PDB file of N, CA and C in Angstrom:
ATOM      1  N   UNK A   1       0.833  -1.179   0.000  1.00  0.00           N
ATOM      2  CA  UNK A   1       0.000   0.000   0.000  1.00  0.00           C
ATOM      3  C   UNK A   1       0.879   1.245   0.000  1.00  0.00           C
ATOM      4  N   UNK A   2       0.507   2.206  -0.803  1.00  0.00           N
ATOM      5  CA  UNK A   2       1.232   3.464  -0.875  1.00  0.00           C
ATOM      6  C   UNK A   2       1.072   4.227   0.442  1.00  0.00           C
ATOM      7  N   UNK A   3       2.143   4.969   0.828  1.00  0.00           N
ATOM      8  CA  UNK A   3       2.100   5.710   2.082  1.00  0.00           C
ATOM      9  C   UNK A   3       2.419   7.173   1.822  1.00  0.00           C
ATOM     10  N   UNK A   4       1.939   8.023   2.718  1.00  0.00           N
ATOM     11  CA  UNK A   4       2.176   9.458   2.615  1.00  0.00           C
ATOM     12  C   UNK A   4       2.686   9.948   3.966  1.00  0.00           C
ATOM     13  N   UNK A   5       3.566  10.949   3.933  1.00  0.00           N
ATOM     14  CA  UNK A   5       4.136  11.506   5.159  1.00  0.00           C
ATOM     15  C   UNK A   5       3.185  12.549   5.735  1.00  0.00           C
ATOM     16  N   UNK A   6       2.906  12.466   7.037  1.00  0.00           N
ATOM     17  CA  UNK A   6       2.036  13.430   7.710  1.00  0.00           C
ATOM     18  C   UNK A   6       2.580  13.679   9.104  1.00  0.00           C
ATOM     19  N   UNK A   7       3.042  14.889   9.358  1.00  0.00           N
ATOM     20  CA  UNK A   7       3.569  15.289  10.658  1.00  0.00           C
ATOM     21  C   UNK A   7       4.532  14.240  11.220  1.00  0.00           C
ATOM     22  N   UNK A   8       5.472  13.812  10.377  1.00  0.00           N
ATOM     23  CA  UNK A   8       6.501  12.883  10.804  1.00  0.00           C
ATOM     24  C   UNK A   8       6.088  11.417  10.821  1.00  0.00           C
ATOM     25  N   UNK A   9       4.870  11.110  10.420  1.00  0.00           N
ATOM     26  CA  UNK A   9       4.403   9.722  10.400  1.00  0.00           C
ATOM     27  C   UNK A   9       4.144   9.291   8.956  1.00  0.00           C
ATOM     28  N   UNK A  10       4.397   8.026   8.675  1.00  0.00           N
ATOM     29  CA  UNK A  10       4.042   7.470   7.369  1.00  0.00           C
ATOM     30  C   UNK A  10       2.667   6.839   7.508  1.00  0.00           C
ATOM     31  N   UNK A  11       1.701   7.386   6.801  1.00  0.00           N
ATOM     32  CA  UNK A  11       0.326   6.899   6.882  1.00  0.00           C
ATOM     33  C   UNK A  11      -0.070   6.262   5.562  1.00  0.00           C
ATOM     34  N   UNK A  12      -0.941   5.244   5.616  1.00  0.00           N
ATOM     35  CA  UNK A  12      -1.395   4.631   4.361  1.00  0.00           C
ATOM     36  C   UNK A  12      -2.213   5.625   3.550  1.00  0.00           C
ATOM     37  N   UNK A  13      -1.938   5.694   2.260  1.00  0.00           N
ATOM     38  CA  UNK A  13      -2.688   6.574   1.374  1.00  0.00           C
ATOM     39  C   UNK A  13      -3.932   5.828   0.904  1.00  0.00           C
ATOM     40  N   UNK A  14      -5.065   6.309   1.352  1.00  0.00           N
ATOM     41  CA  UNK A  14      -6.319   5.676   0.967  1.00  0.00           C
ATOM     42  C   UNK A  14      -6.669   6.075  -0.451  1.00  0.00           C
ATOM     43  N   UNK A  15      -7.488   5.268  -1.051  1.00  0.00           N
ATOM     44  CA  UNK A  15      -7.975   5.594  -2.380  1.00  0.00           C
ATOM     45  C   UNK A  15      -8.595   6.989  -2.322  1.00  0.00           C
ATOM     46  N   UNK A  16      -8.283   7.801  -3.310  1.00  0.00           N
ATOM     47  CA  UNK A  16      -8.823   9.156  -3.305  1.00  0.00           C
ATOM     48  C   UNK A  16     -10.341   9.079  -3.345  1.00  0.00           C
ATOM     49  N   UNK A  17     -10.931   9.769  -2.403  1.00  0.00           N
ATOM     50  CA  UNK A  17     -12.373   9.755  -2.285  1.00  0.00           C
ATOM     51  C   UNK A  17     -12.873  11.193  -2.337  1.00  0.00           C
ATOM     52  N   UNK A  18     -13.834  11.436  -3.174  1.00  0.00           N
ATOM     53  CA  UNK A  18     -14.386  12.775  -3.278  1.00  0.00           C
ATOM     54  C   UNK A  18     -15.427  13.006  -2.197  1.00  0.00           C
ATOM     55  N   UNK A  19     -15.526  14.245  -1.752  1.00  0.00           N
ATOM     56  CA  UNK A  19     -16.570  14.573  -0.789  1.00  0.00           C
ATOM     57  C   UNK A  19     -17.949  14.550  -1.448  1.00  0.00           C
ATOM     58  N   UNK A  20     -18.952  14.201  -0.667  1.00  0.00           N
ATOM     59  CA  UNK A  20     -20.334  14.320  -1.129  1.00  0.00           C
ATOM     60  C   UNK A  20     -20.827  15.738  -0.875  1.00  0.00           C
ATOM     61  N   UNK A  21     -20.349  16.337   0.235  1.00  0.00           N
ATOM     62  CA  UNK A  21     -20.823  17.660   0.631  1.00  0.00           C
ATOM     63  C   UNK A  21     -19.731  18.372   1.422  1.00  0.00           C
ATOM     64  N   UNK A  22     -19.578  19.659   1.146  1.00  0.00           N
ATOM     65  CA  UNK A  22     -18.661  20.512   1.911  1.00  0.00           C
ATOM     66  C   UNK A  22     -19.484  21.705   2.375  1.00  0.00           C
ATOM     67  N   UNK A  23     -19.462  21.938   3.685  1.00  0.00           N
ATOM     68  CA  UNK A  23     -20.312  22.973   4.253  1.00  0.00           C
ATOM     69  C   UNK A  23     -19.554  23.762   5.313  1.00  0.00           C
ATOM     70  N   UNK A  24     -19.695  25.068   5.279  1.00  0.00           N
ATOM     71  CA  UNK A  24     -19.101  25.939   6.279  1.00  0.00           C
ATOM     72  C   UNK A  24     -20.041  25.989   7.481  1.00  0.00           C
ATOM     73  N   UNK A  25     -19.514  25.697   8.666  1.00  0.00           N
ATOM     74  CA  UNK A  25     -20.318  25.668   9.884  1.00  0.00           C
ATOM     75  C   UNK A  25     -19.920  26.845  10.782  1.00  0.00           C
ATOM     76  N   UNK A  26     -20.847  27.774  10.960  1.00  0.00           N
ATOM     77  CA  UNK A  26     -20.686  28.910  11.872  1.00  0.00           C
ATOM     78  C   UNK A  26     -19.386  29.684  11.673  1.00  0.00           C
ATOM     79  N   UNK A  27     -18.885  29.711  10.450  1.00  0.00           N
ATOM     80  CA  UNK A  27     -17.614  30.395  10.142  1.00  0.00           C
ATOM     81  C   UNK A  27     -16.471  29.965  11.047  1.00  0.00           C
ATOM     82  N   UNK A  28     -16.536  28.731  11.544  1.00  0.00           N
ATOM     83  CA  UNK A  28     -15.486  28.217  12.418  1.00  0.00           C
ATOM     84  C   UNK A  28     -14.904  26.894  11.926  1.00  0.00           C
ATOM     85  N   UNK A  29     -15.718  26.095  11.245  1.00  0.00           N
ATOM     86  CA  UNK A  29     -15.301  24.766  10.798  1.00  0.00           C
ATOM     87  C   UNK A  29     -15.780  24.497   9.386  1.00  0.00           C
ATOM     88  N   UNK A  30     -15.028  23.646   8.694  1.00  0.00           N
ATOM     89  CA  UNK A  30     -15.427  23.151   7.389  1.00  0.00           C
ATOM     90  C   UNK A  30     -15.860  21.705   7.595  1.00  0.00           C
ATOM     91  N   UNK A  31     -17.131  21.431   7.369  1.00  0.00           N
ATOM     92  CA  UNK A  31     -17.667  20.087   7.519  1.00  0.00           C
ATOM     93  C   UNK A  31     -17.624  19.390   6.171  1.00  0.00           C
ATOM     94  N   UNK A  32     -16.946  18.242   6.129  1.00  0.00           N
ATOM     95  CA  UNK A  32     -16.824  17.484   4.884  1.00  0.00           C
ATOM     96  C   UNK A  32     -17.462  16.119   5.087  1.00  0.00           C
ATOM     97  N   UNK A  33     -18.454  15.805   4.251  1.00  0.00           N
ATOM     98  CA  UNK A  33     -19.090  14.486   4.241  1.00  0.00           C
ATOM     99  C   UNK A  33     -18.514  13.723   3.054  1.00  0.00           C
ATOM    100  N   UNK A  34     -17.923  12.557   3.336  1.00  0.00           N
ATOM    101  CA  UNK A  34     -17.235  11.777   2.311  1.00  0.00           C
ATOM    102  C   UNK A  34     -18.129  10.687   1.738  1.00  0.00           C
ATOM    103  N   UNK A  35     -17.757  10.173   0.582  1.00  0.00           N
ATOM    104  CA  UNK A  35     -18.531   9.143  -0.098  1.00  0.00           C
ATOM    105  C   UNK A  35     -18.664   7.864   0.724  1.00  0.00           C
ATOM    106  N   UNK A  36     -17.716   7.597   1.615  1.00  0.00           N
ATOM    107  CA  UNK A  36     -17.789   6.368   2.421  1.00  0.00           C
ATOM    108  C   UNK A  36     -18.609   6.549   3.702  1.00  0.00           C
ATOM    109  N   UNK A  37     -19.249   7.719   3.855  1.00  0.00           N
ATOM    110  CA  UNK A  37     -20.098   7.956   5.023  1.00  0.00           C
ATOM    111  C   UNK A  37     -19.398   8.672   6.172  1.00  0.00           C
ATOM    112  N   UNK A  38     -18.081   8.796   6.120  1.00  0.00           N
ATOM    113  CA  UNK A  38     -17.371   9.494   7.194  1.00  0.00           C
ATOM    114  C   UNK A  38     -17.586  10.991   7.054  1.00  0.00           C
ATOM    115  N   UNK A  39     -17.500  11.679   8.192  1.00  0.00           N
ATOM    116  CA  UNK A  39     -17.586  13.137   8.214  1.00  0.00           C
ATOM    117  C   UNK A  39     -16.434  13.673   9.031  1.00  0.00           C
ATOM    118  N   UNK A  40     -15.906  14.796   8.595  1.00  0.00           N
ATOM    119  CA  UNK A  40     -14.849  15.474   9.341  1.00  0.00           C
ATOM    120  C   UNK A  40     -15.204  16.946   9.463  1.00  0.00           C
ATOM    121  N   UNK A  41     -15.035  17.470  10.658  1.00  0.00           N
ATOM    122  CA  UNK A  41     -15.207  18.895  10.904  1.00  0.00           C
ATOM    123  C   UNK A  41     -13.815  19.455  11.175  1.00  0.00           C
ATOM    124  N   UNK A  42     -13.322  20.246  10.243  1.00  0.00           N
ATOM    125  CA  UNK A  42     -11.954  20.761  10.326  1.00  0.00           C
ATOM    126  C   UNK A  42     -12.009  22.240  10.691  1.00  0.00           C
ATOM    127  N   UNK A  43     -11.371  22.625  11.792  1.00  0.00           N
ATOM    128  CA  UNK A  43     -11.352  24.043  12.163  1.00  0.00           C
ATOM    129  C   UNK A  43     -10.670  24.896  11.085  1.00  0.00           C
ATOM    130  N   UNK A  44     -11.260  26.062  10.810  1.00  0.00           N
ATOM    131  CA  UNK A  44     -10.693  26.946   9.789  1.00  0.00           C
ATOM    132  C   UNK A  44      -9.283  27.392  10.168  1.00  0.00           C
ATOM    133  N   UNK A  45      -9.021  27.558  11.446  1.00  0.00           N
ATOM    134  CA  UNK A  45      -7.674  27.926  11.887  1.00  0.00           C
ATOM    135  C   UNK A  45      -6.662  26.868  11.453  1.00  0.00           C
ATOM    136  N   UNK A  46      -7.031  25.591  11.595  1.00  0.00           N
ATOM    137  CA  UNK A  46      -6.138  24.510  11.179  1.00  0.00           C
ATOM    138  C   UNK A  46      -5.917  24.542   9.668  1.00  0.00           C
ATOM    139  N   UNK A  47      -6.996  24.791   8.897  1.00  0.00           N
ATOM    140  CA  UNK A  47      -6.859  24.862   7.435  1.00  0.00           C
ATOM    141  C   UNK A  47      -5.912  25.982   7.035  1.00  0.00           C
ATOM    142  N   UNK A  48      -6.029  27.122   7.691  1.00  0.00           N
ATOM    143  CA  UNK A  48      -5.159  28.250   7.341  1.00  0.00           C
ATOM    144  C   UNK A  48      -3.715  27.962   7.756  1.00  0.00           C
ATOM    145  N   UNK A  49      -3.532  27.371   8.930  1.00  0.00           N
ATOM    146  CA  UNK A  49      -2.173  27.033   9.385  1.00  0.00           C
ATOM    147  C   UNK A  49      -1.493  26.069   8.427  1.00  0.00           C
ATOM    148  N   UNK A  50      -2.285  25.187   7.815  1.00  0.00           N
ATOM    149  CA  UNK A  50      -1.737  24.158   6.930  1.00  0.00           C
ATOM    150  C   UNK A  50      -1.905  24.506   5.447  1.00  0.00           C
ATOM    151  N   UNK A  51      -2.112  25.771   5.147  1.00  0.00           N
ATOM    152  CA  UNK A  51      -2.296  26.177   3.752  1.00  0.00           C
ATOM    153  C   UNK A  51      -1.175  25.587   2.891  1.00  0.00           C
ATOM    154  N   UNK A  52      -1.557  24.897   1.799  1.00  0.00           N
ATOM    155  CA  UNK A  52      -0.548  24.217   0.978  1.00  0.00           C
ATOM    156  C   UNK A  52       0.091  25.072  -0.111  1.00  0.00           C
ATOM    157  N   UNK A  53      -0.170  26.368  -0.159  1.00  0.00           N
ATOM    158  CA  UNK A  53       0.421  27.177  -1.231  1.00  0.00           C
ATOM    159  C   UNK A  53       1.928  27.345  -1.006  1.00  0.00           C
ATOM    160  N   UNK A  54       2.636  27.682  -2.061  1.00  0.00           N
ATOM    161  CA  UNK A  54       4.097  27.803  -1.999  1.00  0.00           C
ATOM    162  C   UNK A  54       4.545  28.883  -1.016  1.00  0.00           C
ATOM    163  N   UNK A  55       3.832  29.996  -0.960  1.00  0.00           N
ATOM    164  CA  UNK A  55       4.197  31.083  -0.044  1.00  0.00           C
ATOM    165  C   UNK A  55       4.098  30.628   1.402  1.00  0.00           C
ATOM    166  N   UNK A  56       2.993  29.997   1.762  1.00  0.00           N
ATOM    167  CA  UNK A  56       2.805  29.543   3.149  1.00  0.00           C
ATOM    168  C   UNK A  56       3.786  28.424   3.507  1.00  0.00           C
ATOM    169  N   UNK A  57       4.049  27.523   2.568  1.00  0.00           N
ATOM    170  CA  UNK A  57       5.026  26.459   2.818  1.00  0.00           C
ATOM    171  C   UNK A  57       6.403  27.055   3.108  1.00  0.00           C
ATOM    172  N   UNK A  58       6.798  28.051   2.320  1.00  0.00           N
ATOM    173  CA  UNK A  58       8.095  28.698   2.527  1.00  0.00           C
ATOM    174  C   UNK A  58       8.144  29.409   3.877  1.00  0.00           C
ATOM    175  N   UNK A  59       7.057  30.070   4.251  1.00  0.00           N
ATOM    176  CA  UNK A  59       6.991  30.752   5.553  1.00  0.00           C
ATOM    177  C   UNK A  59       7.148  29.754   6.701  1.00  0.00           C
ATOM    178  N   UNK A  60       6.452  28.618   6.598  1.00  0.00           N
ATOM    179  CA  UNK A  60       6.537  27.605   7.661  1.00  0.00           C
ATOM    180  C   UNK A  60       7.940  27.016   7.753  1.00  0.00           C
ATOM    181  N   UNK A  61       8.596  26.826   6.618  1.00  0.00           N
ATOM    182  CA  UNK A  61       9.953  26.268   6.620  1.00  0.00           C
ATOM    183  C   UNK A  61      10.955  27.199   7.289  1.00  0.00           C
ATOM    184  N   UNK A  62      10.707  28.510   7.204  1.00  0.00           N
ATOM    185  CA  UNK A  62      11.613  29.491   7.806  1.00  0.00           C
ATOM    186  C   UNK A  62      11.465  29.559   9.332  1.00  0.00           C
ATOM    187  N   UNK A  63      10.331  29.147   9.844  1.00  0.00           N
ATOM    188  CA  UNK A  63      10.056  29.293  11.274  1.00  0.00           C
ATOM    189  C   UNK A  63      10.648  28.130  12.076  1.00  0.00           C
ATOM    190  N   UNK A  64      10.914  28.402  13.349  1.00  0.00           N
ATOM    191  CA  UNK A  64      11.403  27.346  14.239  1.00  0.00           C
ATOM    192  C   UNK A  64      10.238  26.433  14.630  1.00  0.00           C
ATOM    193  N   UNK A  65      10.551  25.288  15.182  1.00  0.00           N
ATOM    194  CA  UNK A  65       9.524  24.322  15.605  1.00  0.00           C
ATOM    195  C   UNK A  65       8.639  24.881  16.718  1.00  0.00           C
ATOM    196  N   UNK A  66       9.150  25.851  17.467  1.00  0.00           N
ATOM    197  CA  UNK A  66       8.395  26.409  18.588  1.00  0.00           C
ATOM    198  C   UNK A  66       7.565  27.637  18.201  1.00  0.00           C
ATOM    199  N   UNK A  67       7.663  28.052  16.938  1.00  0.00           N
ATOM    200  CA  UNK A  67       6.922  29.225  16.470  1.00  0.00           C
ATOM    201  C   UNK A  67       5.419  28.952  16.528  1.00  0.00           C
ATOM    202  N   UNK A  68       4.674  29.895  17.066  1.00  0.00           N
ATOM    203  CA  UNK A  68       3.212  29.796  17.127  1.00  0.00           C
ATOM    204  C   UNK A  68       2.641  30.971  16.331  1.00  0.00           C
ATOM    205  N   UNK A  69       2.054  30.700  15.167  1.00  0.00           N
ATOM    206  CA  UNK A  69       1.507  31.797  14.363  1.00  0.00           C
ATOM    207  C   UNK A  69       0.255  32.389  15.003  1.00  0.00           C
ATOM    208  N   UNK A  70       0.071  33.677  14.825  1.00  0.00           N
ATOM    209  CA  UNK A  70      -1.127  34.367  15.305  1.00  0.00           C
ATOM    210  C   UNK A  70      -1.860  34.877  14.070  1.00  0.00           C
ATOM    211  N   UNK A  71      -3.134  34.528  13.972  1.00  0.00           N
ATOM    212  CA  UNK A  71      -3.933  34.913  12.816  1.00  0.00           C
ATOM    213  C   UNK A  71      -5.023  35.896  13.224  1.00  0.00           C
ATOM    214  N   UNK A  72      -5.288  36.867  12.348  1.00  0.00           N
ATOM    215  CA  UNK A  72      -6.392  37.797  12.581  1.00  0.00           C
ATOM    216  C   UNK A  72      -7.692  37.121  12.141  1.00  0.00           C
ATOM    217  N   UNK A  73      -8.793  37.731  12.518  1.00  0.00           N
ATOM    218  CA  UNK A  73     -10.115  37.198  12.140  1.00  0.00           C
ATOM    219  C   UNK A  73     -10.250  37.087  10.622  1.00  0.00           C
ATOM    220  N   UNK A  74      -9.751  38.080   9.873  1.00  0.00           N
ATOM    221  CA  UNK A  74      -9.833  38.048   8.411  1.00  0.00           C
ATOM    222  C   UNK A  74      -9.030  36.899   7.809  1.00  0.00           C
ATOM    223  N   UNK A  75      -7.984  36.475   8.480  1.00  0.00           N
ATOM    224  CA  UNK A  75      -7.142  35.398   7.954  1.00  0.00           C
ATOM    225  C   UNK A  75      -7.764  34.020   8.148  1.00  0.00           C
ATOM    226  N   UNK A  76      -8.746  33.908   9.028  1.00  0.00           N
ATOM    227  CA  UNK A  76      -9.383  32.600   9.252  1.00  0.00           C
ATOM    228  C   UNK A  76     -10.882  32.637   8.948  1.00  0.00           C
ATOM    229  N   UNK A  77     -11.285  33.618   8.133  1.00  0.00           N
ATOM    230  CA  UNK A  77     -12.675  33.718   7.682  1.00  0.00           C
ATOM    231  C   UNK A  77     -12.699  33.460   6.182  1.00  0.00           C
ATOM    232  N   UNK A  78     -13.581  32.563   5.762  1.00  0.00           N
ATOM    233  CA  UNK A  78     -13.678  32.194   4.346  1.00  0.00           C
ATOM    234  C   UNK A  78     -14.691  33.084   3.638  1.00  0.00           C
ATOM    235  N   UNK A  79     -14.268  33.645   2.505  1.00  0.00           N
ATOM    236  CA  UNK A  79     -15.169  34.407   1.640  1.00  0.00           C
ATOM    237  C   UNK A  79     -15.863  33.488   0.640  1.00  0.00           C
ATOM    238  N   UNK A  80     -15.087  32.545   0.096  1.00  0.00           N
ATOM    239  CA  UNK A  80     -15.616  31.704  -0.979  1.00  0.00           C
ATOM    240  C   UNK A  80     -14.818  30.410  -1.078  1.00  0.00           C
ATOM    241  N   UNK A  81     -15.495  29.366  -1.531  1.00  0.00           N
ATOM    242  CA  UNK A  81     -14.842  28.083  -1.821  1.00  0.00           C
ATOM    243  C   UNK A  81     -15.214  27.699  -3.242  1.00  0.00           C
ATOM    244  N   UNK A  82     -14.208  27.341  -4.034  1.00  0.00           N
ATOM    245  CA  UNK A  82     -14.458  26.908  -5.415  1.00  0.00           C
ATOM    246  C   UNK A  82     -13.854  25.530  -5.622  1.00  0.00           C
ATOM    247  N   UNK A  83     -14.556  24.725  -6.390  1.00  0.00           N
ATOM    248  CA  UNK A  83     -14.025  23.415  -6.742  1.00  0.00           C
ATOM    249  C   UNK A  83     -12.932  23.590  -7.787  1.00  0.00           C
ATOM    250  N   UNK A  84     -11.868  22.791  -7.658  1.00  0.00           N
ATOM    251  CA  UNK A  84     -10.770  22.773  -8.617  1.00  0.00           C
ATOM    252  C   UNK A  84     -10.771  21.389  -9.256  1.00  0.00           C
ATOM    253  N   UNK A  85     -11.187  21.326 -10.510  1.00  0.00           N
ATOM    254  CA  UNK A  85     -11.284  20.029 -11.182  1.00  0.00           C
ATOM    255  C   UNK A  85     -12.140  19.074 -10.369  1.00  0.00           C
ATOM    256  N   UNK A  86     -11.703  17.818 -10.316  1.00  0.00           N
ATOM    257  CA  UNK A  86     -12.424  16.839  -9.504  1.00  0.00           C
ATOM    258  C   UNK A  86     -11.533  16.306  -8.379  1.00  0.00           C
ATOM    259  N   UNK A  87     -10.546  17.130  -7.967  1.00  0.00           N
ATOM    260  CA  UNK A  87      -9.583  16.637  -6.993  1.00  0.00           C
ATOM    261  C   UNK A  87      -9.330  17.574  -5.817  1.00  0.00           C
ATOM    262  N   UNK A  88      -9.901  18.793  -5.838  1.00  0.00           N
ATOM    263  CA  UNK A  88      -9.522  19.756  -4.806  1.00  0.00           C
ATOM    264  C   UNK A  88     -10.528  20.903  -4.711  1.00  0.00           C
ATOM    265  N   UNK A  89     -10.298  21.741  -3.672  1.00  0.00           N
ATOM    266  CA  UNK A  89     -11.018  23.004  -3.554  1.00  0.00           C
ATOM    267  C   UNK A  89     -10.000  24.133  -3.378  1.00  0.00           C
ATOM    268  N   UNK A  90     -10.383  25.309  -3.817  1.00  0.00           N
ATOM    269  CA  UNK A  90      -9.596  26.517  -3.555  1.00  0.00           C
ATOM    270  C   UNK A  90     -10.372  27.320  -2.528  1.00  0.00           C
ATOM    271  N   UNK A  91      -9.681  27.767  -1.488  1.00  0.00           N
ATOM    272  CA  UNK A  91     -10.321  28.562  -0.448  1.00  0.00           C
ATOM    273  C   UNK A  91      -9.873  30.007  -0.619  1.00  0.00           C
ATOM    274  N   UNK A  92     -10.836  30.894  -0.654  1.00  0.00           N
ATOM    275  CA  UNK A  92     -10.591  32.328  -0.750  1.00  0.00           C
ATOM    276  C   UNK A  92     -10.851  32.920   0.634  1.00  0.00           C
ATOM    277  N   UNK A  93      -9.782  33.322   1.296  1.00  0.00           N
ATOM    278  CA  UNK A  93      -9.871  33.860   2.646  1.00  0.00           C
ATOM    279  C   UNK A  93     -10.208  35.346   2.593  1.00  0.00           C
ATOM    280  N   UNK A  94     -10.839  35.833   3.642  1.00  0.00           N
ATOM    281  CA  UNK A  94     -11.294  37.221   3.693  1.00  0.00           C
ATOM    282  C   UNK A  94     -10.153  38.237   3.592  1.00  0.00           C
ATOM    283  N   UNK A  95      -8.933  37.855   3.974  1.00  0.00           N
ATOM    284  CA  UNK A  95      -7.789  38.773   3.879  1.00  0.00           C
ATOM    285  C   UNK A  95      -7.203  38.846   2.474  1.00  0.00           C
ATOM    286  N   UNK A  96      -7.817  38.127   1.513  1.00  0.00           N
ATOM    287  CA  UNK A  96      -7.358  38.170   0.129  1.00  0.00           C
ATOM    288  C   UNK A  96      -6.480  36.994  -0.277  1.00  0.00           C
ATOM    289  N   UNK A  97      -6.043  36.194   0.674  1.00  0.00           N
ATOM    290  CA  UNK A  97      -5.205  35.041   0.346  1.00  0.00           C
ATOM    291  C   UNK A  97      -6.065  33.994  -0.359  1.00  0.00           C
ATOM    292  N   UNK A  98      -5.587  33.496  -1.505  1.00  0.00           N
ATOM    293  CA  UNK A  98      -6.407  32.552  -2.274  1.00  0.00           C
ATOM    294  C   UNK A  98      -5.593  31.591  -3.133  1.00  0.00           C
ATOM    295  N   UNK A  99      -4.320  31.413  -2.829  1.00  0.00           N
ATOM    296  CA  UNK A  99      -3.481  30.576  -3.695  1.00  0.00           C
ATOM    297  C   UNK A  99      -3.361  29.132  -3.218  1.00  0.00           C
ATOM    298  N   UNK A 100      -3.956  28.803  -2.098  1.00  0.00           N
ATOM    299  CA  UNK A 100      -3.885  27.429  -1.596  1.00  0.00           C
ATOM    300  C   UNK A 100      -4.914  26.538  -2.263  1.00  0.00           C
ATOM    301  N   UNK A 101      -4.459  25.449  -2.838  1.00  0.00           N
ATOM    302  CA  UNK A 101      -5.363  24.448  -3.414  1.00  0.00           C
ATOM    303  C   UNK A 101      -5.325  23.237  -2.485  1.00  0.00           C
ATOM    304  N   UNK A 102      -6.451  22.964  -1.862  1.00  0.00           N
ATOM    305  CA  UNK A 102      -6.558  21.889  -0.869  1.00  0.00           C
ATOM    306  C   UNK A 102      -7.091  20.630  -1.559  1.00  0.00           C
ATOM    307  N   UNK A 103      -6.184  19.716  -1.861  1.00  0.00           N
ATOM    308  CA  UNK A 103      -6.585  18.468  -2.518  1.00  0.00           C
ATOM    309  C   UNK A 103      -7.421  17.629  -1.551  1.00  0.00           C
ATOM    310  N   UNK A 104      -8.348  16.857  -2.107  1.00  0.00           N
ATOM    311  CA  UNK A 104      -9.223  16.048  -1.256  1.00  0.00           C
ATOM    312  C   UNK A 104      -8.431  15.070  -0.395  1.00  0.00           C
ATOM    313  N   UNK A 105      -7.360  14.501  -0.947  1.00  0.00           N
ATOM    314  CA  UNK A 105      -6.522  13.585  -0.176  1.00  0.00           C
ATOM    315  C   UNK A 105      -5.936  14.299   1.042  1.00  0.00           C
ATOM    316  N   UNK A 106      -5.486  15.536   0.847  1.00  0.00           N
ATOM    317  CA  UNK A 106      -4.927  16.344   1.926  1.00  0.00           C
ATOM    318  C   UNK A 106      -5.993  16.648   2.981  1.00  0.00           C
ATOM    319  N   UNK A 107      -7.198  17.038   2.537  1.00  0.00           N
ATOM    320  CA  UNK A 107      -8.290  17.320   3.476  1.00  0.00           C
ATOM    321  C   UNK A 107      -8.681  16.078   4.263  1.00  0.00           C
ATOM    322  N   UNK A 108      -8.661  14.941   3.594  1.00  0.00           N
ATOM    323  CA  UNK A 108      -9.000  13.680   4.278  1.00  0.00           C
ATOM    324  C   UNK A 108      -7.970  13.391   5.370  1.00  0.00           C
ATOM    325  N   UNK A 109      -6.697  13.566   5.055  1.00  0.00           N
ATOM    326  CA  UNK A 109      -5.640  13.344   6.050  1.00  0.00           C
ATOM    327  C   UNK A 109      -5.779  14.299   7.231  1.00  0.00           C
ATOM    328  N   UNK A 110      -6.074  15.561   6.942  1.00  0.00           N
ATOM    329  CA  UNK A 110      -6.260  16.522   8.035  1.00  0.00           C
ATOM    330  C   UNK A 110      -7.428  16.077   8.909  1.00  0.00           C
ATOM    331  N   UNK A 111      -8.534  15.704   8.285  1.00  0.00           N
ATOM    332  CA  UNK A 111      -9.703  15.265   9.038  1.00  0.00           C
ATOM    333  C   UNK A 111      -9.452  14.020   9.862  1.00  0.00           C
ATOM    334  N   UNK A 112      -8.788  13.040   9.273  1.00  0.00           N
ATOM    335  CA  UNK A 112      -8.525  11.767   9.956  1.00  0.00           C
ATOM    336  C   UNK A 112      -7.569  11.953  11.121  1.00  0.00           C
ATOM    337  N   UNK A 113      -6.690  12.926  11.030  1.00  0.00           N
ATOM    338  CA  UNK A 113      -5.633  13.089  12.051  1.00  0.00           C
ATOM    339  C   UNK A 113      -5.833  14.337  12.902  1.00  0.00           C
ATOM    340  N   UNK A 114      -7.019  14.897  12.833  1.00  0.00           N
ATOM    341  CA  UNK A 114      -7.283  16.110  13.603  1.00  0.00           C
ATOM    342  C   UNK A 114      -7.681  15.767  15.033  1.00  0.00           C
ATOM    343  N   UNK A 115      -7.050  16.456  15.975  1.00  0.00           N
ATOM    344  CA  UNK A 115      -7.388  16.256  17.379  1.00  0.00           C
ATOM    345  C   UNK A 115      -8.282  17.374  17.883  1.00  0.00           C
ATOM    346  N   UNK A 116      -8.538  18.357  17.022  1.00  0.00           N
ATOM    347  CA  UNK A 116      -9.354  19.514  17.419  1.00  0.00           C
ATOM    348  C   UNK A 116     -10.816  19.174  17.421  1.00  0.00           C
TER     349      UNK A 116
END
């Protein structure tokens, strides 16, 4: 079975599964209902912290392991969500940031491994 690295762990890569429904809950969480019946509620703060765009990845690489980012309300408020092909969503944050493409596989991993 293919594996993917997640926060220092090698996890099995499940067959890519598309969401049945994606819904914003109280501007605090993204609720994703998957084709296999599972549901994940992912805090928007976690989604922003883990933004997969090149700029955010570079910023995270520059920071020390003990760095704790502080986000404003605009940085963790979603203006719009658009589907990208049949494999991802693009999140448009209220502060204008919109270059992160969140692949469904990535969202599934965040949901499965979220302690929030």
